[in-house]
Amino acid sequence: MAHSVSVNFKLDYDVKKSMEQACADMGLSMSAAFTIFAKKVGRERRIPFEVSAGTDRFYSESNIRYLEGIMQDIKNGKAHFEEHELIEVD
């Protein structure tokens, strides 16, 4: 059996509470969640999700241009809308 060690670090109170609730919803302790994270980082030698500096990609120049194009199509009557099966309509 592996030798266990304690690791201490600080988290913002709201971040901790949010993570505790999410872990509880998944049936995990925070310790188990951090262990899963640590094992994945150690195995894959990378952070297992995207980490980037800067603003949200939604506000990137390319996305803004894309959305402006869609708005122009709507204004010009060129946009085609249809109901999507995943959207519930009352």
C-alpha atoms as a PDB file:
ATOM      1  CA  MET A   1       0.000   0.000   0.000  1.00  0.00           C
ATOM      2  CA  ALA A   2       1.270   3.476  -0.863  1.00  0.00           C
ATOM      3  CA  HIS A   3       2.412   5.781   1.897  1.00  0.00           C
ATOM      4  CA  SER A   4      -0.086   8.648   2.362  1.00  0.00           C
ATOM      5  CA  VAL A   5       0.972  12.242   2.917  1.00  0.00           C
ATOM      6  CA  SER A   6      -0.980  15.357   3.804  1.00  0.00           C
ATOM      7  CA  VAL A   7      -1.065  18.331   1.461  1.00  0.00           C
ATOM      8  CA  ASN A   8      -2.312  21.711   2.677  1.00  0.00           C
ATOM      9  CA  PHE A   9      -3.275  24.701   0.551  1.00  0.00           C
ATOM     10  CA  LYS A  10      -5.699  27.598   0.692  1.00  0.00           C
ATOM     11  CA  LEU A  11      -8.892  28.014  -1.320  1.00  0.00           C
ATOM     12  CA  ASP A  12     -11.392  30.818  -1.485  1.00  0.00           C
ATOM     13  CA  TYR A  13     -14.301  29.959   0.828  1.00  0.00           C
ATOM     14  CA  ASP A  14     -16.912  30.054  -1.969  1.00  0.00           C
ATOM     15  CA  VAL A  15     -14.749  27.880  -4.234  1.00  0.00           C
ATOM     16  CA  LYS A  16     -14.376  25.310  -1.456  1.00  0.00           C
ATOM     17  CA  LYS A  17     -18.108  25.243  -0.718  1.00  0.00           C
ATOM     18  CA  SER A  18     -18.964  24.916  -4.402  1.00  0.00           C
ATOM     19  CA  MET A  19     -16.482  22.069  -4.828  1.00  0.00           C
ATOM     20  CA  GLU A  20     -17.725  20.307  -1.694  1.00  0.00           C
ATOM     21  CA  GLN A  21     -21.279  20.386  -3.043  1.00  0.00           C
ATOM     22  CA  ALA A  22     -20.227  19.170  -6.498  1.00  0.00           C
ATOM     23  CA  CYS A  23     -18.178  16.352  -4.949  1.00  0.00           C
ATOM     24  CA  ALA A  24     -21.064  15.370  -2.677  1.00  0.00           C
ATOM     25  CA  ASP A  25     -23.379  15.284  -5.692  1.00  0.00           C
ATOM     26  CA  MET A  26     -20.950  12.847  -7.349  1.00  0.00           C
ATOM     27  CA  GLY A  27     -20.517  10.769  -4.211  1.00  0.00           C
ATOM     28  CA  LEU A  28     -16.898  11.855  -3.757  1.00  0.00           C
ATOM     29  CA  SER A  29     -14.955  13.501  -0.987  1.00  0.00           C
ATOM     30  CA  MET A  30     -12.793  16.492  -1.842  1.00  0.00           C
ATOM     31  CA  SER A  31      -9.790  14.332  -0.977  1.00  0.00           C
ATOM     32  CA  ALA A  32     -10.877  11.714  -3.524  1.00  0.00           C
ATOM     33  CA  ALA A  33     -11.452  14.406  -6.172  1.00  0.00           C
ATOM     34  CA  PHE A  34      -7.989  15.896  -5.613  1.00  0.00           C
ATOM     35  CA  THR A  35      -6.462  12.408  -5.686  1.00  0.00           C
ATOM     36  CA  ILE A  36      -8.140  11.725  -9.051  1.00  0.00           C
ATOM     37  CA  PHE A  37      -6.781  15.050 -10.339  1.00  0.00           C
ATOM     38  CA  ALA A  38      -3.257  14.344  -9.012  1.00  0.00           C
ATOM     39  CA  LYS A  39      -3.156  10.836 -10.500  1.00  0.00           C
ATOM     40  CA  LYS A  40      -4.290  12.104 -13.901  1.00  0.00           C
ATOM     41  CA  VAL A  41      -1.692  14.903 -13.901  1.00  0.00           C
ATOM     42  CA  GLY A  42       1.023  12.446 -12.885  1.00  0.00           C
ATOM     43  CA  ARG A  43      -0.009   9.885 -15.501  1.00  0.00           C
ATOM     44  CA  GLU A  44      -0.567  12.278 -18.417  1.00  0.00           C
ATOM     45  CA  ARG A  45       2.039  14.920 -17.453  1.00  0.00           C
ATOM     46  CA  ARG A  46      -0.458  17.704 -18.196  1.00  0.00           C
ATOM     47  CA  ILE A  47      -3.314  19.621 -16.613  1.00  0.00           C
ATOM     48  CA  PRO A  48      -6.393  17.564 -17.639  1.00  0.00           C
ATOM     49  CA  PHE A  49      -8.340  20.589 -18.872  1.00  0.00           C
ATOM     50  CA  GLU A  50      -7.607  23.747 -20.820  1.00  0.00           C
ATOM     51  CA  VAL A  51      -5.821  26.489 -18.901  1.00  0.00           C
ATOM     52  CA  SER A  52      -5.315  29.780 -20.672  1.00  0.00           C
ATOM     53  CA  ALA A  53      -4.603  33.399 -19.969  1.00  0.00           C
ATOM     54  CA  GLY A  54      -6.834  36.081 -21.359  1.00  0.00           C
ATOM     55  CA  THR A  55     -10.500  36.597 -21.752  1.00  0.00           C
ATOM     56  CA  ASP A  56     -13.274  34.182 -22.451  1.00  0.00           C
ATOM     57  CA  ARG A  57     -13.109  32.874 -26.046  1.00  0.00           C
ATOM     58  CA  PHE A  58     -16.723  33.961 -26.496  1.00  0.00           C
ATOM     59  CA  TYR A  59     -15.379  37.523 -26.697  1.00  0.00           C
ATOM     60  CA  SER A  60     -12.521  36.726 -29.084  1.00  0.00           C
ATOM     61  CA  GLU A  61     -12.238  38.845 -32.224  1.00  0.00           C
ATOM     62  CA  SER A  62     -13.041  35.909 -34.489  1.00  0.00           C
ATOM     63  CA  ASN A  63     -16.188  35.012 -32.538  1.00  0.00           C
ATOM     64  CA  ILE A  64     -17.348  38.640 -32.423  1.00  0.00           C
ATOM     65  CA  ARG A  65     -16.949  38.838 -36.225  1.00  0.00           C
ATOM     66  CA  TYR A  66     -18.887  35.572 -36.596  1.00  0.00           C
ATOM     67  CA  LEU A  67     -21.724  36.832 -34.373  1.00  0.00           C
ATOM     68  CA  GLU A  68     -21.819  40.156 -36.198  1.00  0.00           C
ATOM     69  CA  GLY A  69     -22.193  38.235 -39.461  1.00  0.00           C
ATOM     70  CA  ILE A  70     -25.114  36.296 -38.038  1.00  0.00           C
ATOM     71  CA  MET A  71     -26.731  39.529 -36.851  1.00  0.00           C
ATOM     72  CA  GLN A  72     -26.318  40.986 -40.333  1.00  0.00           C
ATOM     73  CA  ASP A  73     -27.955  37.897 -41.859  1.00  0.00           C
ATOM     74  CA  ILE A  74     -30.866  38.277 -39.437  1.00  0.00           C
ATOM     75  CA  LYS A  75     -31.263  41.952 -40.334  1.00  0.00           C
ATOM     76  CA  ASN A  76     -31.165  41.108 -44.052  1.00  0.00           C
ATOM     77  CA  GLY A  77     -33.682  38.279 -43.682  1.00  0.00           C
ATOM     78  CA  LYS A  78     -31.109  35.654 -44.719  1.00  0.00           C
ATOM     79  CA  ALA A  79     -31.095  33.729 -41.451  1.00  0.00           C
ATOM     80  CA  HIS A  80     -33.046  30.458 -41.270  1.00  0.00           C
ATOM     81  CA  PHE A  81     -34.380  29.381 -37.894  1.00  0.00           C
ATOM     82  CA  GLU A  82     -35.891  26.045 -36.956  1.00  0.00           C
ATOM     83  CA  GLU A  83     -36.972  24.339 -33.779  1.00  0.00           C
ATOM     84  CA  HIS A  84     -34.375  22.029 -32.255  1.00  0.00           C
ATOM     85  CA  GLU A  85     -35.403  18.737 -30.659  1.00  0.00           C
ATOM     86  CA  LEU A  86     -33.351  19.459 -27.512  1.00  0.00           C
ATOM     87  CA  ILE A  87     -35.209  22.680 -26.812  1.00  0.00           C
ATOM     88  CA  GLU A  88     -38.416  22.244 -24.862  1.00  0.00           C
ATOM     89  CA  VAL A  89     -41.228  24.461 -26.068  1.00  0.00           C
ATOM     90  CA  ASP A  90     -44.171  25.080 -23.720  1.00  0.00           C
END
